[in-house]
């Protein structure tokens, strides 16, 4: 892949000064990073990613179940007749009932259920749960986690949907210790490209299909415009009010042979004062649904189907 000089510039009003400063026939490259440093930084990033995925306190690899809640009563326990069936070694026949009413969940535990509170940060088991209580979902700072045997549980929500789920994970799952990240393409400066942020007149609310047959909503403030082999491409970037970087979901032809079939995710820093940022395709990574069926991953929008193979980043598991 080569990053060539552009021949013409189509000015956008908000960036006219920026583009003029860069010159009409140049497209800035990101400052190169020495190959050894680039490799070391990438390996540090990958190790952090591996630890996060394999975290026994609700990391993706620990996930054991994702159960959509229905309006009204949702019983849970090891009884096959329960609305939510949990492993017999961890759960009594009936541990409790989750009542979903007007978008809020209330837990009514059974006597002697073995339910306890679980610390949000450490995962440590706390006080027993013996009385009915509200369970705020994980969009809230007041999220409550539960413990039942080696299982952890919380109410899970996704942006732009009223659906709620009970997420279940296993803190003692043997697969946690055995987990290794999948392979990845060679790390190179060639796949670090400069991008210009082009905002929309107004942020767009975009409905994205998810792997569970529903839709999720994300806010897109604009596009990241970049060049590969002299051709201009763009990616729709997502960011909410509390975001610290852009979220990007993309698909390219490597999904046919090497990378996850449903596409990959990336992060990109917010632009500098001149409207430029760097997209590092070396850090394209797999969505949770590449590792577990117990997820609600959004799929890339059609706007983010790239016309060239991205031979960079994480490969499929």
C-alpha atoms as a PDB file:
ATOM      1  CA  UNK A   1       0.000   0.000   0.000  1.00  0.00           C
ATOM      2  CA  UNK A   2       1.308   3.426  -0.941  1.00  0.00           C
ATOM      3  CA  UNK A   3       0.154   6.807   0.300  1.00  0.00           C
ATOM      4  CA  UNK A   4       0.465   9.108  -2.710  1.00  0.00           C
ATOM      5  CA  UNK A   5       0.188  12.863  -3.086  1.00  0.00           C
ATOM      6  CA  UNK A   6      -3.257  14.024  -4.071  1.00  0.00           C
ATOM      7  CA  UNK A   7      -3.782  15.827  -7.370  1.00  0.00           C
ATOM      8  CA  UNK A   8      -6.726  18.024  -6.451  1.00  0.00           C
ATOM      9  CA  UNK A   9      -8.433  19.170  -3.306  1.00  0.00           C
ATOM     10  CA  UNK A  10     -12.157  19.664  -2.992  1.00  0.00           C
ATOM     11  CA  UNK A  11     -12.382  22.360  -0.346  1.00  0.00           C
ATOM     12  CA  UNK A  12     -14.805  22.070   2.541  1.00  0.00           C
ATOM     13  CA  UNK A  13     -15.585  25.430   4.087  1.00  0.00           C
ATOM     14  CA  UNK A  14     -14.745  24.530   7.635  1.00  0.00           C
ATOM     15  CA  UNK A  15     -11.351  23.176   6.574  1.00  0.00           C
ATOM     16  CA  UNK A  16     -10.410  25.617   3.826  1.00  0.00           C
ATOM     17  CA  UNK A  17      -7.722  27.237   5.941  1.00  0.00           C
ATOM     18  CA  UNK A  18      -6.387  23.846   7.008  1.00  0.00           C
ATOM     19  CA  UNK A  19      -6.110  22.507   3.491  1.00  0.00           C
ATOM     20  CA  UNK A  20      -4.525  25.679   2.189  1.00  0.00           C
ATOM     21  CA  UNK A  21      -1.904  25.427   4.889  1.00  0.00           C
ATOM     22  CA  UNK A  22      -1.126  21.870   3.807  1.00  0.00           C
ATOM     23  CA  UNK A  23      -0.731  22.903   0.180  1.00  0.00           C
ATOM     24  CA  UNK A  24      -2.908  22.001  -2.808  1.00  0.00           C
ATOM     25  CA  UNK A  25      -0.840  18.977  -3.852  1.00  0.00           C
ATOM     26  CA  UNK A  26       0.131  17.365  -0.577  1.00  0.00           C
ATOM     27  CA  UNK A  27      -1.544  15.126   1.934  1.00  0.00           C
ATOM     28  CA  UNK A  28       0.272  14.973   5.266  1.00  0.00           C
ATOM     29  CA  UNK A  29       1.642  11.647   6.422  1.00  0.00           C
ATOM     30  CA  UNK A  30       1.686  10.808  10.117  1.00  0.00           C
ATOM     31  CA  UNK A  31       5.081  11.101  11.739  1.00  0.00           C
ATOM     32  CA  UNK A  32       6.754   7.706  11.261  1.00  0.00           C
ATOM     33  CA  UNK A  33       7.432   5.620  14.332  1.00  0.00           C
ATOM     34  CA  UNK A  34      10.660   3.623  14.463  1.00  0.00           C
ATOM     35  CA  UNK A  35       9.780   0.001  13.651  1.00  0.00           C
ATOM     36  CA  UNK A  36      11.012  -1.397  16.955  1.00  0.00           C
ATOM     37  CA  UNK A  37       9.066   1.205  18.923  1.00  0.00           C
ATOM     38  CA  UNK A  38       5.967   0.638  16.785  1.00  0.00           C
ATOM     39  CA  UNK A  39       6.155  -3.115  17.385  1.00  0.00           C
ATOM     40  CA  UNK A  40       6.684  -2.682  21.130  1.00  0.00           C
ATOM     41  CA  UNK A  41       3.781  -0.246  21.460  1.00  0.00           C
ATOM     42  CA  UNK A  42       1.546  -2.566  19.492  1.00  0.00           C
ATOM     43  CA  UNK A  43       2.517  -5.563  21.609  1.00  0.00           C
ATOM     44  CA  UNK A  44       1.750  -3.588  24.766  1.00  0.00           C
ATOM     45  CA  UNK A  45      -1.652  -2.684  23.317  1.00  0.00           C
ATOM     46  CA  UNK A  46      -2.343  -6.320  22.420  1.00  0.00           C
ATOM     47  CA  UNK A  47      -1.392  -7.547  25.873  1.00  0.00           C
ATOM     48  CA  UNK A  48      -3.765  -5.027  27.437  1.00  0.00           C
ATOM     49  CA  UNK A  49      -6.463  -6.227  25.076  1.00  0.00           C
ATOM     50  CA  UNK A  50      -5.807  -9.874  25.977  1.00  0.00           C
ATOM     51  CA  UNK A  51      -6.048  -9.118  29.708  1.00  0.00           C
ATOM     52  CA  UNK A  52      -9.285  -7.200  29.197  1.00  0.00           C
ATOM     53  CA  UNK A  53     -10.917  -9.962  27.152  1.00  0.00           C
ATOM     54  CA  UNK A  54      -9.839 -12.667  29.609  1.00  0.00           C
ATOM     55  CA  UNK A  55     -10.746 -10.710  32.743  1.00  0.00           C
ATOM     56  CA  UNK A  56     -12.716 -13.103  34.985  1.00  0.00           C
ATOM     57  CA  UNK A  57     -14.763 -10.137  36.201  1.00  0.00           C
ATOM     58  CA  UNK A  58     -17.017  -9.911  33.109  1.00  0.00           C
ATOM     59  CA  UNK A  59     -14.393  -9.973  30.333  1.00  0.00           C
ATOM     60  CA  UNK A  60     -15.725 -11.173  26.973  1.00  0.00           C
ATOM     61  CA  UNK A  61     -14.161 -14.637  27.262  1.00  0.00           C
ATOM     62  CA  UNK A  62     -15.901 -15.180  30.615  1.00  0.00           C
ATOM     63  CA  UNK A  63     -19.370 -14.566  29.151  1.00  0.00           C
ATOM     64  CA  UNK A  64     -21.644 -17.580  29.592  1.00  0.00           C
ATOM     65  CA  UNK A  65     -25.048 -16.280  28.591  1.00  0.00           C
ATOM     66  CA  UNK A  66     -27.072 -13.340  27.317  1.00  0.00           C
ATOM     67  CA  UNK A  67     -30.805 -13.602  27.916  1.00  0.00           C
ATOM     68  CA  UNK A  68     -33.246 -11.037  26.565  1.00  0.00           C
ATOM     69  CA  UNK A  69     -35.788 -10.012  29.190  1.00  0.00           C
ATOM     70  CA  UNK A  70     -39.476 -10.014  28.373  1.00  0.00           C
ATOM     71  CA  UNK A  71     -41.945  -7.545  29.807  1.00  0.00           C
ATOM     72  CA  UNK A  72     -43.210  -8.898  33.120  1.00  0.00           C
ATOM     73  CA  UNK A  73     -41.772 -11.837  35.078  1.00  0.00           C
ATOM     74  CA  UNK A  74     -38.531 -13.589  34.046  1.00  0.00           C
ATOM     75  CA  UNK A  75     -37.657 -16.477  36.371  1.00  0.00           C
ATOM     76  CA  UNK A  76     -34.054 -17.692  36.569  1.00  0.00           C
ATOM     77  CA  UNK A  77     -32.442 -20.808  38.013  1.00  0.00           C
ATOM     78  CA  UNK A  78     -31.395 -24.326  37.016  1.00  0.00           C
ATOM     79  CA  UNK A  79     -34.962 -25.575  36.477  1.00  0.00           C
ATOM     80  CA  UNK A  80     -35.384 -26.263  32.730  1.00  0.00           C
ATOM     81  CA  UNK A  81     -38.807 -24.638  32.982  1.00  0.00           C
ATOM     82  CA  UNK A  82     -37.326 -21.310  34.128  1.00  0.00           C
ATOM     83  CA  UNK A  83     -37.341 -18.359  31.732  1.00  0.00           C
ATOM     84  CA  UNK A  84     -33.558 -18.196  32.099  1.00  0.00           C
ATOM     85  CA  UNK A  85     -31.804 -21.520  32.667  1.00  0.00           C
ATOM     86  CA  UNK A  86     -28.487 -21.408  34.535  1.00  0.00           C
ATOM     87  CA  UNK A  87     -25.952 -24.201  35.220  1.00  0.00           C
ATOM     88  CA  UNK A  88     -27.098 -26.590  37.946  1.00  0.00           C
ATOM     89  CA  UNK A  89     -23.717 -26.502  39.714  1.00  0.00           C
ATOM     90  CA  UNK A  90     -24.125 -22.783  40.373  1.00  0.00           C
ATOM     91  CA  UNK A  91     -27.838 -22.143  40.680  1.00  0.00           C
ATOM     92  CA  UNK A  92     -30.724 -23.590  42.701  1.00  0.00           C
ATOM     93  CA  UNK A  93     -33.847 -24.689  40.896  1.00  0.00           C
ATOM     94  CA  UNK A  94     -35.266 -21.174  41.261  1.00  0.00           C
ATOM     95  CA  UNK A  95     -32.940 -18.352  42.301  1.00  0.00           C
ATOM     96  CA  UNK A  96     -35.326 -15.466  41.746  1.00  0.00           C
ATOM     97  CA  UNK A  97     -37.454 -13.472  39.347  1.00  0.00           C
ATOM     98  CA  UNK A  98     -36.572 -10.407  37.298  1.00  0.00           C
ATOM     99  CA  UNK A  99     -39.545  -8.143  36.677  1.00  0.00           C
ATOM    100  CA  UNK A 100     -39.220  -5.870  33.643  1.00  0.00           C
ATOM    101  CA  UNK A 101     -41.706  -3.018  33.815  1.00  0.00           C
ATOM    102  CA  UNK A 102     -41.535   0.194  31.760  1.00  0.00           C
ATOM    103  CA  UNK A 103     -37.832  -0.219  31.040  1.00  0.00           C
ATOM    104  CA  UNK A 104     -36.824  -0.868  34.665  1.00  0.00           C
ATOM    105  CA  UNK A 105     -35.819  -4.188  36.237  1.00  0.00           C
ATOM    106  CA  UNK A 106     -36.631  -5.308  39.773  1.00  0.00           C
ATOM    107  CA  UNK A 107     -35.141  -8.433  41.367  1.00  0.00           C
ATOM    108  CA  UNK A 108     -37.177 -10.593  43.736  1.00  0.00           C
ATOM    109  CA  UNK A 109     -34.862 -13.284  45.173  1.00  0.00           C
ATOM    110  CA  UNK A 110     -36.058 -16.645  46.429  1.00  0.00           C
ATOM    111  CA  UNK A 111     -35.384 -17.561  50.051  1.00  0.00           C
ATOM    112  CA  UNK A 112     -31.986 -19.264  50.349  1.00  0.00           C
ATOM    113  CA  UNK A 113     -31.170 -18.516  46.715  1.00  0.00           C
ATOM    114  CA  UNK A 114     -27.466 -17.965  47.351  1.00  0.00           C
ATOM    115  CA  UNK A 115     -27.535 -14.628  45.539  1.00  0.00           C
ATOM    116  CA  UNK A 116     -24.959 -12.075  46.694  1.00  0.00           C
ATOM    117  CA  UNK A 117     -23.805  -8.677  45.584  1.00  0.00           C
ATOM    118  CA  UNK A 118     -20.558  -8.638  43.586  1.00  0.00           C
ATOM    119  CA  UNK A 119     -18.127  -5.720  43.715  1.00  0.00           C
ATOM    120  CA  UNK A 120     -18.129  -3.733  40.486  1.00  0.00           C
ATOM    121  CA  UNK A 121     -14.347  -3.295  40.289  1.00  0.00           C
ATOM    122  CA  UNK A 122     -12.770  -6.267  42.067  1.00  0.00           C
ATOM    123  CA  UNK A 123     -15.479  -8.854  41.471  1.00  0.00           C
ATOM    124  CA  UNK A 124     -15.353  -9.817  45.162  1.00  0.00           C
ATOM    125  CA  UNK A 125     -18.504 -11.388  46.598  1.00  0.00           C
ATOM    126  CA  UNK A 126     -20.343  -9.165  49.079  1.00  0.00           C
ATOM    127  CA  UNK A 127     -23.534  -9.206  51.120  1.00  0.00           C
ATOM    128  CA  UNK A 128     -26.340 -11.693  50.462  1.00  0.00           C
ATOM    129  CA  UNK A 129     -29.400 -10.485  48.574  1.00  0.00           C
ATOM    130  CA  UNK A 130     -32.481 -11.347  50.612  1.00  0.00           C
ATOM    131  CA  UNK A 131     -34.954  -8.578  49.740  1.00  0.00           C
ATOM    132  CA  UNK A 132     -36.434  -7.257  46.481  1.00  0.00           C
ATOM    133  CA  UNK A 133     -34.286  -4.557  44.882  1.00  0.00           C
ATOM    134  CA  UNK A 134     -34.024  -2.534  41.655  1.00  0.00           C
ATOM    135  CA  UNK A 135     -31.294  -3.542  39.193  1.00  0.00           C
ATOM    136  CA  UNK A 136     -30.122  -0.544  37.121  1.00  0.00           C
ATOM    137  CA  UNK A 137     -28.661  -1.562  33.767  1.00  0.00           C
ATOM    138  CA  UNK A 138     -24.996  -1.151  32.844  1.00  0.00           C
ATOM    139  CA  UNK A 139     -25.516   2.235  31.197  1.00  0.00           C
ATOM    140  CA  UNK A 140     -25.862   3.605  34.721  1.00  0.00           C
ATOM    141  CA  UNK A 141     -23.136   4.439  37.213  1.00  0.00           C
ATOM    142  CA  UNK A 142     -25.353   2.636  39.721  1.00  0.00           C
ATOM    143  CA  UNK A 143     -25.089  -0.721  37.956  1.00  0.00           C
ATOM    144  CA  UNK A 144     -25.469  -3.630  40.376  1.00  0.00           C
ATOM    145  CA  UNK A 145     -23.626  -6.890  39.834  1.00  0.00           C
ATOM    146  CA  UNK A 146     -24.778 -10.149  41.364  1.00  0.00           C
ATOM    147  CA  UNK A 147     -22.942 -13.336  42.315  1.00  0.00           C
ATOM    148  CA  UNK A 148     -24.398 -16.842  42.234  1.00  0.00           C
ATOM    149  CA  UNK A 149     -21.785 -19.522  42.761  1.00  0.00           C
ATOM    150  CA  UNK A 150     -19.003 -18.768  40.287  1.00  0.00           C
ATOM    151  CA  UNK A 151     -21.415 -16.830  38.096  1.00  0.00           C
ATOM    152  CA  UNK A 152     -21.626 -13.069  37.805  1.00  0.00           C
ATOM    153  CA  UNK A 153     -24.724 -11.295  36.503  1.00  0.00           C
ATOM    154  CA  UNK A 154     -25.881  -7.809  35.566  1.00  0.00           C
ATOM    155  CA  UNK A 155     -28.556  -6.148  33.462  1.00  0.00           C
ATOM    156  CA  UNK A 156     -27.115  -5.261  30.063  1.00  0.00           C
ATOM    157  CA  UNK A 157     -28.292  -2.508  27.704  1.00  0.00           C
ATOM    158  CA  UNK A 158     -27.174  -1.229  24.308  1.00  0.00           C
ATOM    159  CA  UNK A 159     -27.482   2.256  22.767  1.00  0.00           C
ATOM    160  CA  UNK A 160     -30.567   3.093  20.776  1.00  0.00           C
ATOM    161  CA  UNK A 161     -32.681   0.104  21.778  1.00  0.00           C
ATOM    162  CA  UNK A 162     -35.174  -0.544  24.549  1.00  0.00           C
ATOM    163  CA  UNK A 163     -34.148  -4.197  24.763  1.00  0.00           C
ATOM    164  CA  UNK A 164     -32.569  -5.348  28.022  1.00  0.00           C
ATOM    165  CA  UNK A 165     -30.672  -8.551  28.735  1.00  0.00           C
ATOM    166  CA  UNK A 166     -29.350 -10.511  31.686  1.00  0.00           C
ATOM    167  CA  UNK A 167     -25.634 -10.918  31.045  1.00  0.00           C
ATOM    168  CA  UNK A 168     -24.073 -13.923  32.783  1.00  0.00           C
ATOM    169  CA  UNK A 169     -20.368 -14.714  33.105  1.00  0.00           C
ATOM    170  CA  UNK A 170     -18.311 -17.424  34.798  1.00  0.00           C
ATOM    171  CA  UNK A 171     -15.404 -16.207  36.921  1.00  0.00           C
ATOM    172  CA  UNK A 172     -13.918 -19.725  37.061  1.00  0.00           C
ATOM    173  CA  UNK A 173     -14.221 -20.678  33.387  1.00  0.00           C
ATOM    174  CA  UNK A 174     -11.156 -22.785  32.380  1.00  0.00           C
ATOM    175  CA  UNK A 175     -11.062 -21.046  28.991  1.00  0.00           C
ATOM    176  CA  UNK A 176      -9.918 -17.821  30.681  1.00  0.00           C
ATOM    177  CA  UNK A 177      -6.434 -19.158  31.463  1.00  0.00           C
ATOM    178  CA  UNK A 178      -6.105 -20.796  28.053  1.00  0.00           C
ATOM    179  CA  UNK A 179      -7.137 -17.760  26.017  1.00  0.00           C
ATOM    180  CA  UNK A 180      -4.737 -16.261  23.492  1.00  0.00           C
ATOM    181  CA  UNK A 181      -5.437 -13.545  20.967  1.00  0.00           C
ATOM    182  CA  UNK A 182      -5.726 -14.579  17.315  1.00  0.00           C
ATOM    183  CA  UNK A 183      -2.922 -13.823  14.884  1.00  0.00           C
ATOM    184  CA  UNK A 184      -2.473 -10.467  13.199  1.00  0.00           C
ATOM    185  CA  UNK A 185      -0.916  -9.005  10.084  1.00  0.00           C
ATOM    186  CA  UNK A 186       2.660  -7.610  10.230  1.00  0.00           C
ATOM    187  CA  UNK A 187       2.881  -4.218  11.933  1.00  0.00           C
ATOM    188  CA  UNK A 188       3.941  -1.425   9.600  1.00  0.00           C
ATOM    189  CA  UNK A 189       3.912   2.357   9.340  1.00  0.00           C
ATOM    190  CA  UNK A 190       2.288   1.970   5.913  1.00  0.00           C
ATOM    191  CA  UNK A 191      -1.032   1.236   7.602  1.00  0.00           C
ATOM    192  CA  UNK A 192      -0.958   4.393   9.703  1.00  0.00           C
ATOM    193  CA  UNK A 193      -2.724   7.016   7.589  1.00  0.00           C
ATOM    194  CA  UNK A 194      -3.617  10.647   8.122  1.00  0.00           C
ATOM    195  CA  UNK A 195      -7.325  11.417   8.000  1.00  0.00           C
ATOM    196  CA  UNK A 196      -9.244  14.663   7.742  1.00  0.00           C
ATOM    197  CA  UNK A 197     -12.428  14.948   9.770  1.00  0.00           C
ATOM    198  CA  UNK A 198     -15.388  16.265   7.779  1.00  0.00           C
ATOM    199  CA  UNK A 199     -18.330  17.014  10.079  1.00  0.00           C
ATOM    200  CA  UNK A 200     -21.910  16.679   8.934  1.00  0.00           C
ATOM    201  CA  UNK A 201     -24.067  19.814   9.145  1.00  0.00           C
ATOM    202  CA  UNK A 202     -25.722  18.085  12.106  1.00  0.00           C
ATOM    203  CA  UNK A 203     -24.772  14.813  13.843  1.00  0.00           C
ATOM    204  CA  UNK A 204     -26.684  11.862  12.424  1.00  0.00           C
ATOM    205  CA  UNK A 205     -28.477   9.168  14.377  1.00  0.00           C
ATOM    206  CA  UNK A 206     -27.608   5.966  12.513  1.00  0.00           C
ATOM    207  CA  UNK A 207     -29.431   2.651  12.957  1.00  0.00           C
ATOM    208  CA  UNK A 208     -27.049  -0.302  12.662  1.00  0.00           C
ATOM    209  CA  UNK A 209     -28.107  -3.920  12.322  1.00  0.00           C
ATOM    210  CA  UNK A 210     -26.891  -6.160  15.148  1.00  0.00           C
ATOM    211  CA  UNK A 211     -26.031  -9.850  15.246  1.00  0.00           C
ATOM    212  CA  UNK A 212     -29.237 -10.653  17.162  1.00  0.00           C
ATOM    213  CA  UNK A 213     -31.529  -9.481  14.418  1.00  0.00           C
ATOM    214  CA  UNK A 214     -32.307  -6.080  15.893  1.00  0.00           C
ATOM    215  CA  UNK A 215     -30.874  -2.610  15.461  1.00  0.00           C
ATOM    216  CA  UNK A 216     -28.712  -0.345  17.589  1.00  0.00           C
ATOM    217  CA  UNK A 217     -28.423   3.410  17.268  1.00  0.00           C
ATOM    218  CA  UNK A 218     -25.165   5.332  17.185  1.00  0.00           C
ATOM    219  CA  UNK A 219     -24.394   9.018  16.738  1.00  0.00           C
ATOM    220  CA  UNK A 220     -22.186   9.906  13.764  1.00  0.00           C
ATOM    221  CA  UNK A 221     -20.793  13.471  13.827  1.00  0.00           C
ATOM    222  CA  UNK A 222     -18.980  13.134  10.490  1.00  0.00           C
ATOM    223  CA  UNK A 223     -16.615  11.206   8.216  1.00  0.00           C
ATOM    224  CA  UNK A 224     -12.899  10.518   8.412  1.00  0.00           C
ATOM    225  CA  UNK A 225     -11.468  11.084   4.923  1.00  0.00           C
ATOM    226  CA  UNK A 226      -8.126   9.469   4.044  1.00  0.00           C
ATOM    227  CA  UNK A 227      -6.084   8.301   1.076  1.00  0.00           C
ATOM    228  CA  UNK A 228      -4.745   4.882   0.103  1.00  0.00           C
ATOM    229  CA  UNK A 229      -2.706   4.482  -3.086  1.00  0.00           C
ATOM    230  CA  UNK A 230      -3.751   7.956  -4.178  1.00  0.00           C
ATOM    231  CA  UNK A 231      -7.491   7.274  -3.955  1.00  0.00           C
ATOM    232  CA  UNK A 232      -9.754   9.023  -1.479  1.00  0.00           C
ATOM    233  CA  UNK A 233     -11.810   6.934   0.934  1.00  0.00           C
ATOM    234  CA  UNK A 234     -13.983   7.771   3.896  1.00  0.00           C
ATOM    235  CA  UNK A 235     -15.259   6.094   7.036  1.00  0.00           C
ATOM    236  CA  UNK A 236     -18.303   7.133   9.023  1.00  0.00           C
ATOM    237  CA  UNK A 237     -17.100   7.849  12.566  1.00  0.00           C
ATOM    238  CA  UNK A 238     -19.233   7.425  15.685  1.00  0.00           C
ATOM    239  CA  UNK A 239     -18.955   9.378  18.927  1.00  0.00           C
ATOM    240  CA  UNK A 240     -21.317  10.294  21.743  1.00  0.00           C
ATOM    241  CA  UNK A 241     -21.237  13.124  24.250  1.00  0.00           C
ATOM    242  CA  UNK A 242     -18.953  11.191  26.615  1.00  0.00           C
ATOM    243  CA  UNK A 243     -16.700   9.595  23.967  1.00  0.00           C
ATOM    244  CA  UNK A 244     -12.938  10.081  24.180  1.00  0.00           C
ATOM    245  CA  UNK A 245     -12.248   8.907  20.625  1.00  0.00           C
ATOM    246  CA  UNK A 246     -14.061   7.939  17.449  1.00  0.00           C
ATOM    247  CA  UNK A 247     -15.490   4.442  17.146  1.00  0.00           C
ATOM    248  CA  UNK A 248     -15.331   2.912  13.661  1.00  0.00           C
ATOM    249  CA  UNK A 249     -16.789  -0.350  12.395  1.00  0.00           C
ATOM    250  CA  UNK A 250     -15.601  -1.449   8.964  1.00  0.00           C
ATOM    251  CA  UNK A 251     -15.643  -4.291   6.478  1.00  0.00           C
ATOM    252  CA  UNK A 252     -13.123  -5.121   3.760  1.00  0.00           C
ATOM    253  CA  UNK A 253     -12.398  -8.039   1.467  1.00  0.00           C
ATOM    254  CA  UNK A 254      -9.970  -9.730   3.890  1.00  0.00           C
ATOM    255  CA  UNK A 255     -13.147 -10.840   5.711  1.00  0.00           C
ATOM    256  CA  UNK A 256     -13.571 -13.443   2.968  1.00  0.00           C
ATOM    257  CA  UNK A 257     -10.352 -15.256   3.851  1.00  0.00           C
ATOM    258  CA  UNK A 258      -8.439 -13.883   6.846  1.00  0.00           C
ATOM    259  CA  UNK A 259     -10.378 -11.576   9.142  1.00  0.00           C
ATOM    260  CA  UNK A 260     -13.670 -11.864  10.978  1.00  0.00           C
ATOM    261  CA  UNK A 261     -16.467 -12.294   8.467  1.00  0.00           C
ATOM    262  CA  UNK A 262     -18.756  -9.654   9.998  1.00  0.00           C
ATOM    263  CA  UNK A 263     -16.070  -6.952   9.992  1.00  0.00           C
ATOM    264  CA  UNK A 264     -13.815  -5.325  12.553  1.00  0.00           C
ATOM    265  CA  UNK A 265     -13.738  -2.344  14.894  1.00  0.00           C
ATOM    266  CA  UNK A 266     -11.220   0.469  15.380  1.00  0.00           C
ATOM    267  CA  UNK A 267     -10.662   3.602  17.429  1.00  0.00           C
ATOM    268  CA  UNK A 268      -9.257   6.885  16.134  1.00  0.00           C
ATOM    269  CA  UNK A 269      -8.257   9.972  18.148  1.00  0.00           C
ATOM    270  CA  UNK A 270     -10.312  13.127  17.866  1.00  0.00           C
ATOM    271  CA  UNK A 271      -8.747  15.551  15.341  1.00  0.00           C
ATOM    272  CA  UNK A 272      -6.260  18.240  16.242  1.00  0.00           C
ATOM    273  CA  UNK A 273      -7.061  21.938  15.934  1.00  0.00           C
ATOM    274  CA  UNK A 274      -6.427  21.757  12.182  1.00  0.00           C
ATOM    275  CA  UNK A 275      -8.897  18.913  11.676  1.00  0.00           C
ATOM    276  CA  UNK A 276      -6.415  16.035  11.185  1.00  0.00           C
ATOM    277  CA  UNK A 277      -6.077  12.727  12.964  1.00  0.00           C
ATOM    278  CA  UNK A 278      -4.388   9.358  12.387  1.00  0.00           C
ATOM    279  CA  UNK A 279      -6.109   6.078  11.606  1.00  0.00           C
ATOM    280  CA  UNK A 280      -3.954   3.118  12.623  1.00  0.00           C
ATOM    281  CA  UNK A 281      -5.274   0.073  10.801  1.00  0.00           C
ATOM    282  CA  UNK A 282      -2.713  -2.045  12.671  1.00  0.00           C
ATOM    283  CA  UNK A 283      -5.145  -1.785  15.577  1.00  0.00           C
ATOM    284  CA  UNK A 284      -8.246  -3.024  13.790  1.00  0.00           C
ATOM    285  CA  UNK A 285      -9.691  -5.570  16.198  1.00  0.00           C
ATOM    286  CA  UNK A 286     -12.395  -8.211  16.405  1.00  0.00           C
ATOM    287  CA  UNK A 287     -15.797  -7.437  17.871  1.00  0.00           C
ATOM    288  CA  UNK A 288     -16.906  -9.500  20.900  1.00  0.00           C
ATOM    289  CA  UNK A 289     -19.141 -11.620  18.652  1.00  0.00           C
ATOM    290  CA  UNK A 290     -15.993 -13.055  17.042  1.00  0.00           C
ATOM    291  CA  UNK A 291     -15.235 -14.771  20.361  1.00  0.00           C
ATOM    292  CA  UNK A 292     -18.647 -15.573  21.838  1.00  0.00           C
ATOM    293  CA  UNK A 293     -22.286 -15.969  20.794  1.00  0.00           C
ATOM    294  CA  UNK A 294     -23.316 -14.123  23.974  1.00  0.00           C
ATOM    295  CA  UNK A 295     -22.989 -10.625  22.528  1.00  0.00           C
ATOM    296  CA  UNK A 296     -24.965  -7.843  20.831  1.00  0.00           C
ATOM    297  CA  UNK A 297     -22.490  -6.563  18.243  1.00  0.00           C
ATOM    298  CA  UNK A 298     -23.451  -3.916  15.726  1.00  0.00           C
ATOM    299  CA  UNK A 299     -22.499  -4.545  12.104  1.00  0.00           C
ATOM    300  CA  UNK A 300     -20.634  -2.021   9.928  1.00  0.00           C
ATOM    301  CA  UNK A 301     -22.769   0.438   7.965  1.00  0.00           C
ATOM    302  CA  UNK A 302     -22.631   0.131   4.179  1.00  0.00           C
ATOM    303  CA  UNK A 303     -20.781   3.440   4.101  1.00  0.00           C
ATOM    304  CA  UNK A 304     -17.864   1.699   5.843  1.00  0.00           C
ATOM    305  CA  UNK A 305     -17.414  -1.125   3.344  1.00  0.00           C
ATOM    306  CA  UNK A 306     -13.946  -0.344   1.999  1.00  0.00           C
ATOM    307  CA  UNK A 307     -12.998  -0.935  -1.627  1.00  0.00           C
ATOM    308  CA  UNK A 308      -9.516  -2.243  -0.854  1.00  0.00           C
ATOM    309  CA  UNK A 309      -8.182  -5.083   1.339  1.00  0.00           C
ATOM    310  CA  UNK A 310      -6.951  -3.985   4.758  1.00  0.00           C
ATOM    311  CA  UNK A 311      -4.050  -6.374   5.339  1.00  0.00           C
ATOM    312  CA  UNK A 312      -3.497  -5.019   8.826  1.00  0.00           C
ATOM    313  CA  UNK A 313      -4.788  -5.653  12.302  1.00  0.00           C
ATOM    314  CA  UNK A 314      -6.287  -8.650  14.018  1.00  0.00           C
ATOM    315  CA  UNK A 315      -7.225 -11.793  12.105  1.00  0.00           C
ATOM    316  CA  UNK A 316     -10.219 -14.013  12.817  1.00  0.00           C
ATOM    317  CA  UNK A 317     -10.040 -16.394  15.824  1.00  0.00           C
END
